[in-house]
Amino acid sequence: MNTTTNAKARNTDRHVGIDVGKAMLDIAIYEVDLYLQEHNCPEGIRRLINKLKRYKLTRILVEATGGYERALVEACVEAELPVIVVQPMHIRQFARAQGILAKTDKIDARLIAEFGVIMRPDIKPIGSKKVRYIKDLLARKRHLNMARTQELNRSYKAVTAMKATHNRLIKVLDKEIEWVNTKLTKAVGEVTEWQRLYEILSSVPGVGDGVAYTLMGELPELGSLSNRQVAALCGLAPFNRDSGTMRGKRRIRGGRAPIRTVLYMAMMSAIQHNPVMKRFYHSLVNAGKHKKVALTACMRKMFTILNAMVRDDRLWQEA
């Protein structure tokens, strides 16, 4: 595409930035310099979707606000609009890079739209209702497990008179976790396109239902990207920290924390029961690597193996 054609394409672009509040939605359509406001409620979202459908939109960028954006994003998905959820940190860094210090809802909406114009983020598919329900169940399971661990730790330090109340709460949490696990098994079983994927993932020693469900719900890219890309998505690709003659220690960071957390726990089991991971882990430790560094390397290797298995549609083979 030559420069003239590219410029014409940009002229027909329509980028929408939406600043989401608990009660209100502030909307900016960048290319036509239009600002709107709607209530963040089912009726307001419905009116907004009808207005946005009048335009041929390039991107709708919605700032993540801890869940207040969910109804809007799902409405955009149902209406087949090109919606992208962006992280607030990225928007603030974008504002600072331009020296923009003022902050109002109207300014934020325009800034979010401008972020889309300049950075042109990819439009990634958002899962179906069933997939979103499974992700909700996975998130709830994480919250319950975290609460159980915290309560268990408190019970260890509690005086004898208080132990009973800790034990009662732990039993309640166990029942809730069991309820979530039952719902997860049923929900995953209803997603027919996941059955082969589940069979592949669960064939790996050390990968239980919790890991398999998390990977299916949180990492739909598995098998379609390079090993390094998948590792980076999960925050397991080490990044250099070099400057001039200084060579810093390479560290992992970013990525999708839920996947990294669940695989870390799985790897604690895999280095005991998975022959390939066990040999690899002990070879690294014997070579002088710190145990956490060796464990992280095992996690990265496991993702490489899983990515190849899904890509090639094959079950686990120790060789």
Protein backbone atom coordinates (compact mmCIF):
# COMPACT_ATOMS: atom_id res chain seq x y z
CA MET A 1 0.00 0.00 0.00
CA ASN A 2 1.48 3.36 -1.04
CA THR A 3 1.53 6.47 1.15
CA THR A 4 -1.55 8.06 -0.49
CA THR A 5 -3.64 4.91 -0.14
CA ASN A 6 -2.47 4.49 3.45
CA ALA A 7 -3.46 8.10 4.26
CA LYS A 8 -6.93 7.55 2.73
CA ALA A 9 -7.37 4.43 4.84
CA ARG A 10 -6.45 6.40 7.95
CA ASN A 11 -9.00 9.10 7.02
CA THR A 12 -11.80 6.54 7.08
CA ASP A 13 -10.69 5.14 10.45
CA ARG A 14 -12.97 5.64 13.44
CA HIS A 15 -11.45 5.11 16.87
CA VAL A 16 -13.65 5.23 19.96
CA GLY A 17 -12.26 5.72 23.46
CA ILE A 18 -14.51 4.95 26.42
CA ASP A 19 -13.67 5.97 29.97
CA VAL A 20 -15.71 3.72 32.25
CA GLY A 21 -17.03 4.86 35.61
CA LYS A 22 -19.33 3.13 38.06
CA ALA A 23 -22.27 5.32 37.00
CA MET A 24 -21.29 6.96 33.69
CA LEU A 25 -19.59 6.19 30.40
CA ASP A 26 -17.61 8.96 28.71
CA ILE A 27 -17.16 8.36 24.99
CA ALA A 28 -14.88 10.09 22.47
CA ILE A 29 -14.87 9.38 18.72
CA TYR A 30 -11.44 10.69 17.82
CA GLU A 31 -11.55 11.33 14.06
CA VAL A 32 -14.82 13.30 14.14
CA ASP A 33 -14.01 15.03 17.46
CA LEU A 34 -17.29 13.89 19.00
CA TYR A 35 -17.89 13.50 22.76
CA LEU A 36 -20.83 11.60 24.27
CA GLN A 37 -22.01 10.51 27.69
CA GLU A 38 -24.22 7.58 28.68
CA HIS A 39 -25.24 5.93 31.93
CA ASN A 40 -23.38 2.73 32.74
CA CYS A 41 -26.53 0.63 32.98
CA PRO A 42 -28.25 -1.84 30.60
CA GLU A 43 -30.43 0.88 29.01
CA GLY A 44 -27.52 3.30 28.62
CA ILE A 45 -25.28 0.62 27.11
CA ARG A 46 -28.04 -0.37 24.70
CA ARG A 47 -28.43 3.25 23.55
CA LEU A 48 -24.66 3.59 23.14
CA ILE A 49 -24.37 0.40 21.07
CA ASN A 50 -27.12 1.67 18.73
CA LYS A 51 -25.24 4.97 18.31
CA LEU A 52 -21.91 3.26 17.64
CA LYS A 53 -23.47 0.98 15.02
CA ARG A 54 -24.04 4.05 12.83
CA TYR A 55 -20.29 4.33 12.26
CA LYS A 56 -17.89 2.00 10.50
CA LEU A 57 -15.59 1.60 13.49
CA THR A 58 -11.92 0.62 13.43
CA ARG A 59 -11.46 0.09 17.17
CA ILE A 60 -13.41 0.63 20.37
CA LEU A 61 -10.96 0.97 23.26
CA VAL A 62 -12.36 0.46 26.75
CA GLU A 63 -10.24 1.07 29.82
CA ALA A 64 -10.27 -1.79 32.33
CA THR A 65 -11.78 -0.60 35.62
CA GLY A 66 -12.00 -3.67 37.82
CA GLY A 67 -15.19 -5.08 36.31
CA TYR A 68 -17.33 -1.97 35.70
CA GLU A 69 -16.49 -2.31 31.99
CA ARG A 70 -17.66 -5.89 31.65
CA ALA A 71 -21.30 -5.32 30.66
CA LEU A 72 -20.22 -2.82 28.00
CA VAL A 73 -17.52 -5.11 26.57
CA GLU A 74 -19.91 -8.07 26.40
CA ALA A 75 -22.53 -5.91 24.66
CA CYS A 76 -19.93 -4.88 22.08
CA VAL A 77 -18.98 -8.52 21.52
CA GLU A 78 -22.64 -9.49 21.05
CA ALA A 79 -23.04 -6.63 18.56
CA GLU A 80 -19.84 -7.78 16.73
CA LEU A 81 -18.11 -4.45 17.32
CA PRO A 82 -14.26 -4.30 17.35
CA VAL A 83 -13.74 -3.87 21.10
CA ILE A 84 -10.36 -3.91 22.89
CA VAL A 85 -9.83 -3.74 26.66
CA VAL A 86 -6.74 -1.67 27.50
CA GLN A 87 -4.87 -1.46 30.79
CA PRO A 88 -5.03 1.86 32.71
CA MET A 89 -1.25 1.80 33.21
CA HIS A 90 -0.68 1.87 29.44
CA ILE A 91 -2.98 4.87 29.05
CA ARG A 92 -1.28 6.81 31.88
CA GLN A 93 2.17 6.09 30.43
CA PHE A 94 0.89 7.23 27.03
CA ALA A 95 -0.37 10.47 28.64
CA ARG A 96 2.91 11.11 30.47
CA ALA A 97 4.88 10.56 27.26
CA GLN A 98 2.90 13.46 25.77
CA GLY A 99 3.23 15.62 28.87
CA ILE A 100 -0.50 15.46 29.60
CA LEU A 101 -0.98 15.93 33.34
CA ALA A 102 -4.62 17.07 33.45
CA LYS A 103 -7.18 14.37 34.15
CA THR A 104 -10.93 14.54 33.57
CA ASP A 105 -13.34 11.94 32.23
CA LYS A 106 -13.58 13.80 28.91
CA ILE A 107 -9.79 14.11 28.57
CA ASP A 108 -9.38 10.43 29.47
CA ALA A 109 -11.92 9.29 26.87
CA ARG A 110 -10.13 11.23 24.12
CA LEU A 111 -6.75 9.99 25.34
CA ILE A 112 -7.91 6.37 25.19
CA ALA A 113 -9.13 6.91 21.61
CA GLU A 114 -5.84 8.60 20.66
CA PHE A 115 -3.95 5.64 22.14
CA GLY A 116 -5.79 3.46 19.62
CA VAL A 117 -4.94 5.82 16.73
CA ILE A 118 -1.22 5.95 17.53
CA MET A 119 -0.52 2.48 18.96
CA ARG A 120 -3.07 0.56 16.83
CA PRO A 121 -3.38 -2.44 19.19
CA ASP A 122 -4.52 -5.76 17.74
CA ILE A 123 -8.17 -6.71 18.08
CA LYS A 124 -8.12 -10.00 19.94
CA PRO A 125 -11.19 -12.25 20.00
CA ILE A 126 -13.07 -12.30 23.29
CA GLY A 127 -14.40 -15.73 24.24
CA SER A 128 -17.99 -16.90 23.94
CA LYS A 129 -20.43 -16.79 26.85
CA LYS A 130 -19.45 -20.33 27.82
CA VAL A 131 -15.75 -19.46 27.81
CA ARG A 132 -16.35 -16.29 29.84
CA TYR A 133 -18.36 -18.33 32.35
CA ILE A 134 -15.48 -20.80 32.68
CA LYS A 135 -13.04 -17.94 33.22
CA ASP A 136 -15.33 -16.60 35.96
CA LEU A 137 -15.34 -20.01 37.64
CA LEU A 138 -11.54 -20.19 37.39
CA ALA A 139 -11.22 -16.74 38.94
CA ARG A 140 -13.60 -17.71 41.74
CA LYS A 141 -11.59 -20.87 42.40
CA ARG A 142 -8.39 -18.81 42.68
CA HIS A 143 -10.07 -16.45 45.16
CA LEU A 144 -11.39 -19.34 47.27
CA ASN A 145 -8.04 -21.14 47.27
CA MET A 146 -6.30 -17.93 48.30
CA ALA A 147 -8.80 -17.38 51.13
CA ARG A 148 -8.37 -20.99 52.28
CA THR A 149 -4.58 -20.68 52.35
CA GLN A 150 -4.82 -17.45 54.34
CA GLU A 151 -7.23 -19.01 56.84
CA LEU A 152 -5.07 -22.11 57.13
CA ASN A 153 -2.02 -19.96 57.89
CA ARG A 154 -3.99 -18.05 60.53
CA SER A 155 -5.13 -21.29 62.14
CA TYR A 156 -1.53 -22.43 62.62
CA LYS A 157 -0.83 -19.35 64.75
CA ALA A 158 -4.20 -19.18 66.51
CA VAL A 159 -4.63 -19.92 70.20
CA THR A 160 -6.49 -23.13 71.05
CA ALA A 161 -9.74 -21.29 71.86
CA MET A 162 -9.83 -19.79 68.32
CA LYS A 163 -8.94 -22.88 66.27
CA ALA A 164 -12.56 -24.05 66.02
CA THR A 165 -13.70 -20.89 64.21
CA HIS A 166 -10.82 -21.21 61.71
CA ASN A 167 -11.67 -24.87 61.07
CA ARG A 168 -15.36 -24.05 60.48
CA LEU A 169 -14.47 -21.42 57.89
CA ILE A 170 -12.01 -23.76 56.18
CA LYS A 171 -14.80 -26.38 55.87
CA VAL A 172 -17.08 -23.77 54.29
CA LEU A 173 -14.36 -22.82 51.82
CA ASP A 174 -13.75 -26.50 51.00
CA LYS A 175 -17.45 -26.88 50.15
CA GLU A 176 -17.38 -23.79 47.93
CA ILE A 177 -14.25 -25.03 46.12
CA GLU A 178 -15.93 -28.40 45.58
CA TRP A 179 -19.01 -26.61 44.16
CA VAL A 180 -16.82 -24.59 41.76
CA ASN A 181 -14.94 -27.72 40.65
CA THR A 182 -18.25 -29.47 39.87
CA LYS A 183 -19.46 -26.50 37.83
CA LEU A 184 -16.09 -26.28 36.02
CA THR A 185 -16.13 -29.95 35.01
CA LYS A 186 -19.68 -29.61 33.67
CA ALA A 187 -19.00 -26.32 31.85
CA VAL A 188 -15.78 -27.53 30.19
CA GLY A 189 -17.54 -30.73 29.10
CA GLU A 190 -20.10 -28.63 27.23
CA VAL A 191 -17.45 -26.89 25.07
CA THR A 192 -17.11 -29.57 22.40
CA GLU A 193 -14.16 -27.93 20.61
CA TRP A 194 -12.12 -28.25 23.83
CA GLN A 195 -12.45 -32.03 24.22
CA ARG A 196 -9.39 -32.91 22.11
CA LEU A 197 -7.41 -30.05 23.67
CA TYR A 198 -8.28 -31.33 27.16
CA GLU A 199 -7.23 -34.84 26.16
CA ILE A 200 -3.84 -33.56 24.95
CA LEU A 201 -3.13 -31.38 27.99
CA SER A 202 -4.25 -33.90 30.60
CA SER A 203 -2.04 -36.61 29.05
CA VAL A 204 1.02 -34.83 30.48
CA PRO A 205 2.13 -36.13 33.91
CA GLY A 206 1.79 -33.27 36.39
CA VAL A 207 -0.93 -31.44 34.43
CA GLY A 208 -4.20 -31.92 36.27
CA ASP A 209 -7.67 -30.56 35.61
CA GLY A 210 -6.86 -27.22 37.29
CA VAL A 211 -3.93 -26.54 34.93
CA ALA A 212 -5.76 -27.87 31.86
CA TYR A 213 -8.87 -25.76 32.52
CA THR A 214 -6.77 -22.64 33.19
CA LEU A 215 -4.78 -23.07 29.97
CA MET A 216 -7.94 -23.62 27.91
CA GLY A 217 -9.68 -20.61 29.41
CA GLU A 218 -6.80 -18.16 29.79
CA LEU A 219 -4.48 -19.13 26.92
CA PRO A 220 -6.49 -19.71 23.71
CA GLU A 221 -3.33 -18.87 21.71
CA LEU A 222 -1.65 -22.13 22.80
CA GLY A 223 -0.50 -24.05 19.72
CA SER A 224 -0.82 -21.10 17.32
CA LEU A 225 2.20 -19.01 18.41
CA SER A 226 5.95 -19.56 18.61
CA ASN A 227 7.42 -20.96 21.81
CA ARG A 228 8.91 -17.59 22.77
CA GLN A 229 5.63 -15.77 22.12
CA VAL A 230 3.71 -18.21 24.33
CA ALA A 231 6.37 -17.92 27.05
CA ALA A 232 6.14 -14.11 26.88
CA LEU A 233 2.32 -14.22 27.16
CA CYS A 234 2.70 -16.19 30.39
CA GLY A 235 5.49 -13.97 31.74
CA LEU A 236 8.12 -16.72 31.44
CA ALA A 237 10.38 -15.21 28.77
CA PRO A 238 13.49 -13.66 30.38
CA PHE A 239 14.19 -10.04 29.40
CA ASN A 240 17.67 -8.52 29.15
CA ARG A 241 18.73 -5.61 31.37
CA ASP A 242 21.86 -4.40 29.61
CA SER A 243 23.24 -0.88 29.20
CA GLY A 244 26.65 -0.02 27.79
CA THR A 245 29.19 -2.40 29.32
CA MET A 246 26.81 -3.36 32.14
CA ARG A 247 25.16 -6.76 31.80
CA GLY A 248 22.21 -7.08 34.14
CA LYS A 249 20.55 -10.24 35.34
CA ARG A 250 17.83 -11.49 33.00
CA ARG A 251 14.43 -11.61 34.69
CA ILE A 252 10.91 -12.71 33.82
CA ARG A 253 8.03 -10.25 34.22
CA GLY A 254 4.57 -9.34 33.01
CA GLY A 255 2.34 -11.84 31.25
CA ARG A 256 -0.83 -13.52 32.47
CA ALA A 257 -0.31 -14.09 36.17
CA PRO A 258 -3.10 -16.72 36.68
CA ILE A 259 -1.41 -19.06 34.20
CA ARG A 260 2.03 -18.60 35.74
CA THR A 261 0.68 -19.17 39.26
CA VAL A 262 -1.18 -22.39 38.46
CA LEU A 263 1.74 -23.80 36.43
CA TYR A 264 4.16 -23.02 39.27
CA MET A 265 2.09 -25.19 41.61
CA ALA A 266 1.82 -27.90 38.94
CA MET A 267 5.56 -27.86 38.38
CA MET A 268 6.15 -28.59 42.08
CA SER A 269 4.33 -31.87 41.40
CA ALA A 270 5.81 -32.44 37.93
CA ILE A 271 9.45 -32.41 39.10
CA GLN A 272 8.47 -35.29 41.41
CA HIS A 273 6.30 -37.35 39.05
CA ASN A 274 7.11 -36.32 35.46
CA PRO A 275 10.33 -38.11 34.37
CA VAL A 276 11.27 -35.49 31.74
CA MET A 277 10.77 -32.53 34.07
CA LYS A 278 12.44 -34.35 36.95
CA ARG A 279 15.60 -35.04 34.92
CA PHE A 280 15.70 -31.50 33.53
CA TYR A 281 15.21 -29.89 36.95
CA HIS A 282 17.94 -31.95 38.64
CA SER A 283 20.36 -31.36 35.76
CA LEU A 284 19.96 -27.59 36.24
CA VAL A 285 20.34 -27.78 40.03
CA ASN A 286 23.41 -30.00 39.70
CA ALA A 287 24.86 -27.45 37.27
CA GLY A 288 24.67 -24.82 40.04
CA LYS A 289 21.37 -23.09 39.18
CA HIS A 290 19.28 -21.70 42.03
CA LYS A 291 16.23 -23.91 42.68
CA LYS A 292 13.75 -21.14 41.78
CA VAL A 293 15.65 -20.39 38.57
CA ALA A 294 15.60 -24.11 37.73
CA LEU A 295 11.86 -24.28 38.48
CA THR A 296 11.17 -21.30 36.19
CA ALA A 297 13.22 -22.94 33.42
CA CYS A 298 11.14 -26.11 33.87
CA MET A 299 7.93 -24.07 33.57
CA ARG A 300 9.22 -22.53 30.34
CA LYS A 301 10.19 -25.96 29.00
CA MET A 302 6.76 -27.32 29.91
CA PHE A 303 5.08 -24.53 27.93
CA THR A 304 7.34 -25.30 24.97
CA ILE A 305 6.28 -28.96 25.12
CA LEU A 306 2.57 -28.16 25.56
CA ASN A 307 2.67 -25.63 22.71
CA ALA A 308 4.22 -28.21 20.37
CA MET A 309 1.78 -30.94 21.44
CA VAL A 310 -1.27 -28.74 20.79
CA ARG A 311 0.20 -27.47 17.51
CA ASP A 312 0.92 -31.01 16.27
CA ASP A 313 -2.25 -32.52 17.79
CA ARG A 314 -0.41 -35.28 19.65
CA LEU A 315 -0.50 -36.76 23.13
CA TRP A 316 2.36 -36.83 25.63
CA GLN A 317 5.34 -39.02 24.72
CA GLU A 318 8.20 -39.24 27.21
CA ALA A 319 10.78 -39.56 24.43
